[in-house]
Amino acid sequence: MKVEIIAYTLGDAILAARSGADRLEVITAPQEGGLTPSFGLVQQIQERTQIDIRVMIRPHSRHFYYDEEDIATMLQDIAAFRHLGISGFVLGALTRNNKVDENSLVRLLDAADGLPVTFHKAFDEVAHFAEALDTLSRHPQITHILTSGGRPSALENSAVDTISELVRLSQPYGISIMPGGGLHHDGLEEFLGRTLVKELHMGSGARLDNNLLQPIDSELLLKVRHIADRF
């Protein structure tokens, strides 16, 4: 069981790496759901830790439809971060009718030049999960889909059912369904047992007072690590 932790400061990253995280999703603007972080932050994390790093590529939080100017910005960011030797990227793009924007996605994946990519929680806004999964499965660079099952919290019963079904549907494709959103150590063991996921993504659930704007709580993250290690 792999544990991915959101990091938006160097302190977050160092503490998460020391406290059991397997991978970081590096962002800025957590209150906006995560945007592209600064080059300096990613470079510092790369130099100060030995952990896998996936960098968010999201130029704004208005929506997940990107025009040509947005795509140009995203391509430039991907090119810059790729040369740092990061592990991969976190990105997503939708059409105006809430389908995966495959044309934009192909351009972004080409720029990533073979690095693995997580399709982020734009997935939760698609019109049809199974159709979106089928589209993403055509692109081997997409290794993970981050989702809360279309609900505010992945721990909601309806979300658990959706995530479980996505895990089943994704097995032939080799894509890892990675739950994130509302996860915390209370109820985590039951959730993992029901969904059969192999990885999890955590933000507020690994922080002081379960608040995404607070620092990493190393004791809380270690509790999550111990639960994950039982699977």
C-alpha atoms as a PDB file:
ATOM      1  CA  MET A   1       0.000   0.000   0.000  1.00  0.00           C
ATOM      2  CA  LYS A   2       1.504   3.305  -1.112  1.00  0.00           C
ATOM      3  CA  VAL A   3       0.735   6.566   0.657  1.00  0.00           C
ATOM      4  CA  GLU A   4       0.850   9.822  -1.294  1.00  0.00           C
ATOM      5  CA  ILE A   5       0.829  13.099   0.634  1.00  0.00           C
ATOM      6  CA  ILE A   6       0.108  16.629  -0.541  1.00  0.00           C
ATOM      7  CA  ALA A   7       3.029  19.017   0.018  1.00  0.00           C
ATOM      8  CA  TYR A   8       3.069  22.734  -0.667  1.00  0.00           C
ATOM      9  CA  THR A   9       6.052  23.782   1.458  1.00  0.00           C
ATOM     10  CA  LEU A  10       9.564  22.422   1.799  1.00  0.00           C
ATOM     11  CA  GLY A  11       8.849  21.699   5.469  1.00  0.00           C
ATOM     12  CA  ASP A  12       5.800  19.632   4.490  1.00  0.00           C
ATOM     13  CA  ALA A  13       7.877  17.627   2.065  1.00  0.00           C
ATOM     14  CA  ILE A  14      10.732  16.887   4.469  1.00  0.00           C
ATOM     15  CA  LEU A  15       8.394  15.897   7.301  1.00  0.00           C
ATOM     16  CA  ALA A  16       6.210  13.746   5.073  1.00  0.00           C
ATOM     17  CA  ALA A  17       9.257  11.936   3.694  1.00  0.00           C
ATOM     18  CA  ARG A  18      10.470  11.236   7.239  1.00  0.00           C
ATOM     19  CA  SER A  19       7.064  10.093   8.480  1.00  0.00           C
ATOM     20  CA  GLY A  20       6.163   7.338   6.053  1.00  0.00           C
ATOM     21  CA  ALA A  21       5.018   8.937   2.805  1.00  0.00           C
ATOM     22  CA  ASP A  22       5.961   7.055  -0.364  1.00  0.00           C
ATOM     23  CA  ARG A  23       5.280   9.886  -2.762  1.00  0.00           C
ATOM     24  CA  LEU A  24       4.453  13.598  -2.761  1.00  0.00           C
ATOM     25  CA  GLU A  25       1.975  15.546  -4.804  1.00  0.00           C
ATOM     26  CA  VAL A  26       3.587  18.985  -4.898  1.00  0.00           C
ATOM     27  CA  ILE A  27       1.207  21.904  -5.327  1.00  0.00           C
ATOM     28  CA  THR A  28       0.576  25.482  -4.362  1.00  0.00           C
ATOM     29  CA  ALA A  29      -2.739  27.156  -3.371  1.00  0.00           C
ATOM     30  CA  PRO A  30      -4.213  24.223  -1.419  1.00  0.00           C
ATOM     31  CA  GLN A  31      -7.355  26.225  -0.695  1.00  0.00           C
ATOM     32  CA  GLU A  32      -8.025  26.267  -4.452  1.00  0.00           C
ATOM     33  CA  GLY A  33      -7.603  22.523  -4.831  1.00  0.00           C
ATOM     34  CA  GLY A  34      -3.966  22.781  -5.843  1.00  0.00           C
ATOM     35  CA  LEU A  35      -2.220  24.746  -8.590  1.00  0.00           C
ATOM     36  CA  THR A  36       1.182  24.538 -10.285  1.00  0.00           C
ATOM     37  CA  PRO A  37       3.906  25.101  -7.658  1.00  0.00           C
ATOM     38  CA  SER A  38       6.955  27.297  -8.048  1.00  0.00           C
ATOM     39  CA  PHE A  39      10.063  25.965  -9.740  1.00  0.00           C
ATOM     40  CA  GLY A  40      12.088  26.901  -6.647  1.00  0.00           C
ATOM     41  CA  LEU A  41       9.913  24.827  -4.321  1.00  0.00           C
ATOM     42  CA  VAL A  42      10.106  21.743  -6.513  1.00  0.00           C
ATOM     43  CA  GLN A  43      13.857  22.119  -6.936  1.00  0.00           C
ATOM     44  CA  GLN A  44      14.362  22.423  -3.175  1.00  0.00           C
ATOM     45  CA  ILE A  45      12.232  19.334  -2.490  1.00  0.00           C
ATOM     46  CA  GLN A  46      14.142  17.440  -5.151  1.00  0.00           C
ATOM     47  CA  GLU A  47      17.457  18.422  -3.548  1.00  0.00           C
ATOM     48  CA  ARG A  48      16.441  17.872   0.084  1.00  0.00           C
ATOM     49  CA  THR A  49      14.520  14.582  -0.122  1.00  0.00           C
ATOM     50  CA  GLN A  50      14.854  11.200  -1.782  1.00  0.00           C
ATOM     51  CA  ILE A  51      11.122  10.712  -2.295  1.00  0.00           C
ATOM     52  CA  ASP A  52       9.088  10.336  -5.483  1.00  0.00           C
ATOM     53  CA  ILE A  53       7.618  13.659  -6.577  1.00  0.00           C
ATOM     54  CA  ARG A  54       4.633  14.255  -8.808  1.00  0.00           C
ATOM     55  CA  VAL A  55       4.108  17.908  -9.671  1.00  0.00           C
ATOM     56  CA  MET A  56       0.698  19.461 -10.204  1.00  0.00           C
ATOM     57  CA  ILE A  57       0.215  21.126 -13.593  1.00  0.00           C
ATOM     58  CA  ARG A  58      -2.870  23.312 -13.217  1.00  0.00           C
ATOM     59  CA  PRO A  59      -2.653  26.957 -14.281  1.00  0.00           C
ATOM     60  CA  HIS A  60      -5.837  28.194 -12.571  1.00  0.00           C
ATOM     61  CA  SER A  61      -8.831  27.038 -10.544  1.00  0.00           C
ATOM     62  CA  ARG A  62     -11.647  28.470 -12.664  1.00  0.00           C
ATOM     63  CA  HIS A  63     -12.522  25.148 -14.269  1.00  0.00           C
ATOM     64  CA  PHE A  64     -10.873  22.177 -15.976  1.00  0.00           C
ATOM     65  CA  TYR A  65     -11.461  23.406 -19.526  1.00  0.00           C
ATOM     66  CA  TYR A  66      -8.243  24.876 -20.897  1.00  0.00           C
ATOM     67  CA  ASP A  67      -7.925  27.197 -23.870  1.00  0.00           C
ATOM     68  CA  GLU A  68      -4.871  27.479 -26.096  1.00  0.00           C
ATOM     69  CA  GLU A  69      -3.192  30.026 -23.808  1.00  0.00           C
ATOM     70  CA  ASP A  70      -3.659  27.735 -20.801  1.00  0.00           C
ATOM     71  CA  ILE A  71      -2.234  24.757 -22.665  1.00  0.00           C
ATOM     72  CA  ALA A  72       0.794  26.801 -23.737  1.00  0.00           C
ATOM     73  CA  THR A  73       1.458  27.630 -20.088  1.00  0.00           C
ATOM     74  CA  MET A  74       1.060  24.014 -19.019  1.00  0.00           C
ATOM     75  CA  LEU A  75       3.422  22.794 -21.733  1.00  0.00           C
ATOM     76  CA  GLN A  76       6.056  25.304 -20.648  1.00  0.00           C
ATOM     77  CA  ASP A  77       5.720  24.266 -16.993  1.00  0.00           C
ATOM     78  CA  ILE A  78       6.004  20.585 -17.867  1.00  0.00           C
ATOM     79  CA  ALA A  79       9.163  21.219 -19.877  1.00  0.00           C
ATOM     80  CA  ALA A  80      10.752  23.151 -17.014  1.00  0.00           C
ATOM     81  CA  PHE A  81       9.952  20.587 -14.324  1.00  0.00           C
ATOM     82  CA  ARG A  82      10.887  17.611 -16.475  1.00  0.00           C
ATOM     83  CA  HIS A  83      14.500  18.762 -16.541  1.00  0.00           C
ATOM     84  CA  LEU A  84      14.643  18.611 -12.734  1.00  0.00           C
ATOM     85  CA  GLY A  85      14.301  14.849 -12.840  1.00  0.00           C
ATOM     86  CA  ILE A  86      10.957  14.640 -11.025  1.00  0.00           C
ATOM     87  CA  SER A  87       9.037  11.361 -10.904  1.00  0.00           C
ATOM     88  CA  GLY A  88       5.946  12.487 -12.789  1.00  0.00           C
ATOM     89  CA  PHE A  89       3.054  14.889 -13.132  1.00  0.00           C
ATOM     90  CA  VAL A  90      -0.493  15.420 -11.917  1.00  0.00           C
ATOM     91  CA  LEU A  91      -2.822  16.952 -14.485  1.00  0.00           C
ATOM     92  CA  GLY A  92      -6.188  16.718 -16.182  1.00  0.00           C
ATOM     93  CA  ALA A  93      -8.303  18.422 -18.825  1.00  0.00           C
ATOM     94  CA  LEU A  94     -12.000  18.274 -19.650  1.00  0.00           C
ATOM     95  CA  THR A  95     -14.150  19.455 -22.520  1.00  0.00           C
ATOM     96  CA  ARG A  96     -16.999  21.885 -21.944  1.00  0.00           C
ATOM     97  CA  ASN A  97     -19.425  18.949 -21.811  1.00  0.00           C
ATOM     98  CA  ASN A  98     -17.419  17.226 -19.079  1.00  0.00           C
ATOM     99  CA  LYS A  99     -15.615  14.564 -21.032  1.00  0.00           C
ATOM    100  CA  VAL A 100     -11.883  13.917 -20.978  1.00  0.00           C
ATOM    101  CA  ASP A 101     -10.273  16.411 -23.367  1.00  0.00           C
ATOM    102  CA  GLU A 102      -8.216  13.824 -25.179  1.00  0.00           C
ATOM    103  CA  ASN A 103      -6.732  16.255 -27.694  1.00  0.00           C
ATOM    104  CA  SER A 104      -5.279  18.468 -24.952  1.00  0.00           C
ATOM    105  CA  LEU A 105      -4.303  15.441 -22.909  1.00  0.00           C
ATOM    106  CA  VAL A 106      -2.217  13.994 -25.753  1.00  0.00           C
ATOM    107  CA  ARG A 107      -0.285  17.257 -26.071  1.00  0.00           C
ATOM    108  CA  LEU A 108       0.422  17.356 -22.346  1.00  0.00           C
ATOM    109  CA  LEU A 109       1.486  13.709 -22.261  1.00  0.00           C
ATOM    110  CA  ASP A 110       3.808  14.258 -25.207  1.00  0.00           C
ATOM    111  CA  ALA A 111       5.450  17.118 -23.326  1.00  0.00           C
ATOM    112  CA  ALA A 112       5.866  14.866 -20.279  1.00  0.00           C
ATOM    113  CA  ASP A 113       8.051  12.686 -22.528  1.00  0.00           C
ATOM    114  CA  GLY A 114       7.264   9.298 -21.011  1.00  0.00           C
ATOM    115  CA  LEU A 115       7.020  10.338 -17.367  1.00  0.00           C
ATOM    116  CA  PRO A 116       4.044   8.830 -15.507  1.00  0.00           C
ATOM    117  CA  VAL A 117       0.979  10.980 -15.012  1.00  0.00           C
ATOM    118  CA  THR A 118      -1.841  11.025 -12.477  1.00  0.00           C
ATOM    119  CA  PHE A 119      -5.158  12.262 -13.873  1.00  0.00           C
ATOM    120  CA  HIS A 120      -6.353  14.463 -11.029  1.00  0.00           C
ATOM    121  CA  LYS A 121      -9.774  15.094  -9.516  1.00  0.00           C
ATOM    122  CA  ALA A 122     -11.098  16.643 -12.696  1.00  0.00           C
ATOM    123  CA  PHE A 123     -12.102  12.996 -13.061  1.00  0.00           C
ATOM    124  CA  ASP A 124     -14.839  13.539 -10.465  1.00  0.00           C
ATOM    125  CA  GLU A 125     -16.532  16.058 -12.763  1.00  0.00           C
ATOM    126  CA  VAL A 126     -16.813  13.820 -15.824  1.00  0.00           C
ATOM    127  CA  ALA A 127     -20.279  12.901 -17.027  1.00  0.00           C
ATOM    128  CA  HIS A 128     -19.596   9.149 -17.109  1.00  0.00           C
ATOM    129  CA  PHE A 129     -16.867   7.491 -15.044  1.00  0.00           C
ATOM    130  CA  ALA A 130     -16.644   4.284 -17.082  1.00  0.00           C
ATOM    131  CA  GLU A 131     -16.339   6.223 -20.341  1.00  0.00           C
ATOM    132  CA  ALA A 132     -13.639   8.472 -18.903  1.00  0.00           C
ATOM    133  CA  LEU A 133     -11.739   5.466 -17.580  1.00  0.00           C
ATOM    134  CA  ASP A 134     -11.873   3.843 -21.002  1.00  0.00           C
ATOM    135  CA  THR A 135     -10.520   7.031 -22.609  1.00  0.00           C
ATOM    136  CA  LEU A 136      -7.664   7.329 -20.130  1.00  0.00           C
ATOM    137  CA  SER A 137      -6.795   3.649 -20.533  1.00  0.00           C
ATOM    138  CA  ARG A 138      -5.715   4.353 -24.112  1.00  0.00           C
ATOM    139  CA  HIS A 139      -2.734   6.300 -22.775  1.00  0.00           C
ATOM    140  CA  PRO A 140      -0.179   4.146 -20.922  1.00  0.00           C
ATOM    141  CA  GLN A 141       1.429   7.233 -19.364  1.00  0.00           C
ATOM    142  CA  ILE A 142      -1.708   7.620 -17.226  1.00  0.00           C
ATOM    143  CA  THR A 143      -0.748   5.445 -14.283  1.00  0.00           C
ATOM    144  CA  HIS A 144      -3.155   6.796 -11.639  1.00  0.00           C
ATOM    145  CA  ILE A 145      -6.596   8.345 -11.381  1.00  0.00           C
ATOM    146  CA  LEU A 146      -7.219  10.473  -8.298  1.00  0.00           C
ATOM    147  CA  THR A 147     -10.856  10.405  -7.215  1.00  0.00           C
ATOM    148  CA  SER A 148     -13.181  10.781  -4.257  1.00  0.00           C
ATOM    149  CA  GLY A 149     -15.844   8.815  -6.104  1.00  0.00           C
ATOM    150  CA  GLY A 150     -17.595  11.980  -7.193  1.00  0.00           C
ATOM    151  CA  ARG A 151     -18.413  12.937  -3.602  1.00  0.00           C
ATOM    152  CA  PRO A 152     -16.911  15.517  -1.208  1.00  0.00           C
ATOM    153  CA  SER A 153     -15.434  12.684   0.863  1.00  0.00           C
ATOM    154  CA  ALA A 154     -14.179   9.343  -0.375  1.00  0.00           C
ATOM    155  CA  LEU A 155     -15.442   7.839   2.902  1.00  0.00           C
ATOM    156  CA  GLU A 156     -19.115   8.402   2.033  1.00  0.00           C
ATOM    157  CA  ASN A 157     -20.909   5.122   1.386  1.00  0.00           C
ATOM    158  CA  SER A 158     -21.845   6.044  -2.176  1.00  0.00           C
ATOM    159  CA  ALA A 159     -18.236   7.083  -2.852  1.00  0.00           C
ATOM    160  CA  VAL A 160     -16.932   3.805  -1.441  1.00  0.00           C
ATOM    161  CA  ASP A 161     -19.233   1.904  -3.807  1.00  0.00           C
ATOM    162  CA  THR A 162     -18.111   4.005  -6.782  1.00  0.00           C
ATOM    163  CA  ILE A 163     -14.416   3.651  -5.967  1.00  0.00           C
ATOM    164  CA  SER A 164     -14.810  -0.106  -5.511  1.00  0.00           C
ATOM    165  CA  GLU A 165     -16.443  -0.336  -8.935  1.00  0.00           C
ATOM    166  CA  LEU A 166     -13.714   1.784 -10.513  1.00  0.00           C
ATOM    167  CA  VAL A 167     -11.064  -0.498  -9.000  1.00  0.00           C
ATOM    168  CA  ARG A 168     -12.825  -3.453 -10.597  1.00  0.00           C
ATOM    169  CA  LEU A 169     -13.171  -1.751 -13.967  1.00  0.00           C
ATOM    170  CA  SER A 170      -9.568  -0.526 -13.983  1.00  0.00           C
ATOM    171  CA  GLN A 171      -7.932  -3.904 -13.395  1.00  0.00           C
ATOM    172  CA  PRO A 172      -7.635  -4.863 -17.086  1.00  0.00           C
ATOM    173  CA  TYR A 173      -6.039  -1.488 -17.828  1.00  0.00           C
ATOM    174  CA  GLY A 174      -3.362  -1.457 -15.134  1.00  0.00           C
ATOM    175  CA  ILE A 175      -4.402   2.002 -13.928  1.00  0.00           C
ATOM    176  CA  SER A 176      -4.296   2.555 -10.179  1.00  0.00           C
ATOM    177  CA  ILE A 177      -7.455   4.104  -8.741  1.00  0.00           C
ATOM    178  CA  MET A 178      -6.133   6.334  -5.967  1.00  0.00           C
ATOM    179  CA  PRO A 179      -8.738   7.608  -3.502  1.00  0.00           C
ATOM    180  CA  GLY A 180      -8.303  11.086  -2.106  1.00  0.00           C
ATOM    181  CA  GLY A 181     -10.526  13.682  -0.500  1.00  0.00           C
ATOM    182  CA  GLY A 182     -11.776  13.422   3.049  1.00  0.00           C
ATOM    183  CA  LEU A 183      -9.597  10.468   4.023  1.00  0.00           C
ATOM    184  CA  HIS A 184      -8.310  10.292   7.601  1.00  0.00           C
ATOM    185  CA  HIS A 185      -7.148   7.516   9.876  1.00  0.00           C
ATOM    186  CA  ASP A 186     -10.593   7.032  11.463  1.00  0.00           C
ATOM    187  CA  GLY A 187     -12.413   4.585   9.225  1.00  0.00           C
ATOM    188  CA  LEU A 188      -9.426   4.168   6.936  1.00  0.00           C
ATOM    189  CA  GLU A 189      -8.902   0.472   7.626  1.00  0.00           C
ATOM    190  CA  GLU A 190     -12.517  -0.384   6.811  1.00  0.00           C
ATOM    191  CA  PHE A 191     -12.357   1.787   3.692  1.00  0.00           C
ATOM    192  CA  LEU A 192      -9.222   0.063   2.404  1.00  0.00           C
ATOM    193  CA  GLY A 193     -10.718  -3.343   3.074  1.00  0.00           C
ATOM    194  CA  ARG A 194     -13.915  -2.525   1.188  1.00  0.00           C
ATOM    195  CA  THR A 195     -12.409  -0.810  -1.850  1.00  0.00           C
ATOM    196  CA  LEU A 196      -9.310  -2.976  -2.352  1.00  0.00           C
ATOM    197  CA  VAL A 197      -7.297   0.039  -3.533  1.00  0.00           C
ATOM    198  CA  LYS A 198      -3.516  -0.281  -3.546  1.00  0.00           C
ATOM    199  CA  GLU A 199      -2.652   3.370  -2.974  1.00  0.00           C
ATOM    200  CA  LEU A 200      -4.148   6.348  -1.166  1.00  0.00           C
ATOM    201  CA  HIS A 201      -3.800  10.119  -1.321  1.00  0.00           C
ATOM    202  CA  MET A 202      -4.086  12.338   1.728  1.00  0.00           C
ATOM    203  CA  GLY A 203      -4.101  16.057   2.413  1.00  0.00           C
ATOM    204  CA  SER A 204      -5.943  17.319   5.483  1.00  0.00           C
ATOM    205  CA  GLY A 205      -6.032  13.856   7.056  1.00  0.00           C
ATOM    206  CA  ALA A 206      -2.273  14.002   7.651  1.00  0.00           C
ATOM    207  CA  ARG A 207      -2.234  17.508   9.128  1.00  0.00           C
ATOM    208  CA  LEU A 208      -2.757  19.192  12.446  1.00  0.00           C
ATOM    209  CA  ASP A 209      -6.465  19.518  13.300  1.00  0.00           C
ATOM    210  CA  ASN A 210      -7.266  17.767   9.995  1.00  0.00           C
ATOM    211  CA  ASN A 211      -6.830  21.171   8.374  1.00  0.00           C
ATOM    212  CA  LEU A 212      -5.168  21.350   4.964  1.00  0.00           C
ATOM    213  CA  LEU A 213      -3.766  24.776   5.783  1.00  0.00           C
ATOM    214  CA  GLN A 214      -1.895  23.420   8.816  1.00  0.00           C
ATOM    215  CA  PRO A 215       1.515  21.666   8.811  1.00  0.00           C
ATOM    216  CA  ILE A 216       1.995  17.917   8.512  1.00  0.00           C
ATOM    217  CA  ASP A 217       1.290  16.054  11.766  1.00  0.00           C
ATOM    218  CA  SER A 218       4.007  13.392  11.849  1.00  0.00           C
ATOM    219  CA  GLU A 219       2.204  11.292  14.483  1.00  0.00           C
ATOM    220  CA  LEU A 220      -0.990  11.294  12.435  1.00  0.00           C
ATOM    221  CA  LEU A 221       0.867  10.370   9.269  1.00  0.00           C
ATOM    222  CA  LEU A 222       2.599   7.516  11.088  1.00  0.00           C
ATOM    223  CA  LYS A 223      -0.828   6.206  12.169  1.00  0.00           C
ATOM    224  CA  VAL A 224      -1.912   6.259   8.532  1.00  0.00           C
ATOM    225  CA  ARG A 225       1.328   4.521   7.547  1.00  0.00           C
ATOM    226  CA  HIS A 226       0.736   1.739  10.097  1.00  0.00           C
ATOM    227  CA  ILE A 227      -2.810   1.191   8.816  1.00  0.00           C
ATOM    228  CA  ALA A 228      -1.623   1.119   5.206  1.00  0.00           C
ATOM    229  CA  ASP A 229       1.090  -1.388   6.063  1.00  0.00           C
ATOM    230  CA  ARG A 230      -1.567  -3.910   7.041  1.00  0.00           C
ATOM    231  CA  PHE A 231      -2.692  -4.133   3.417  1.00  0.00           C
END
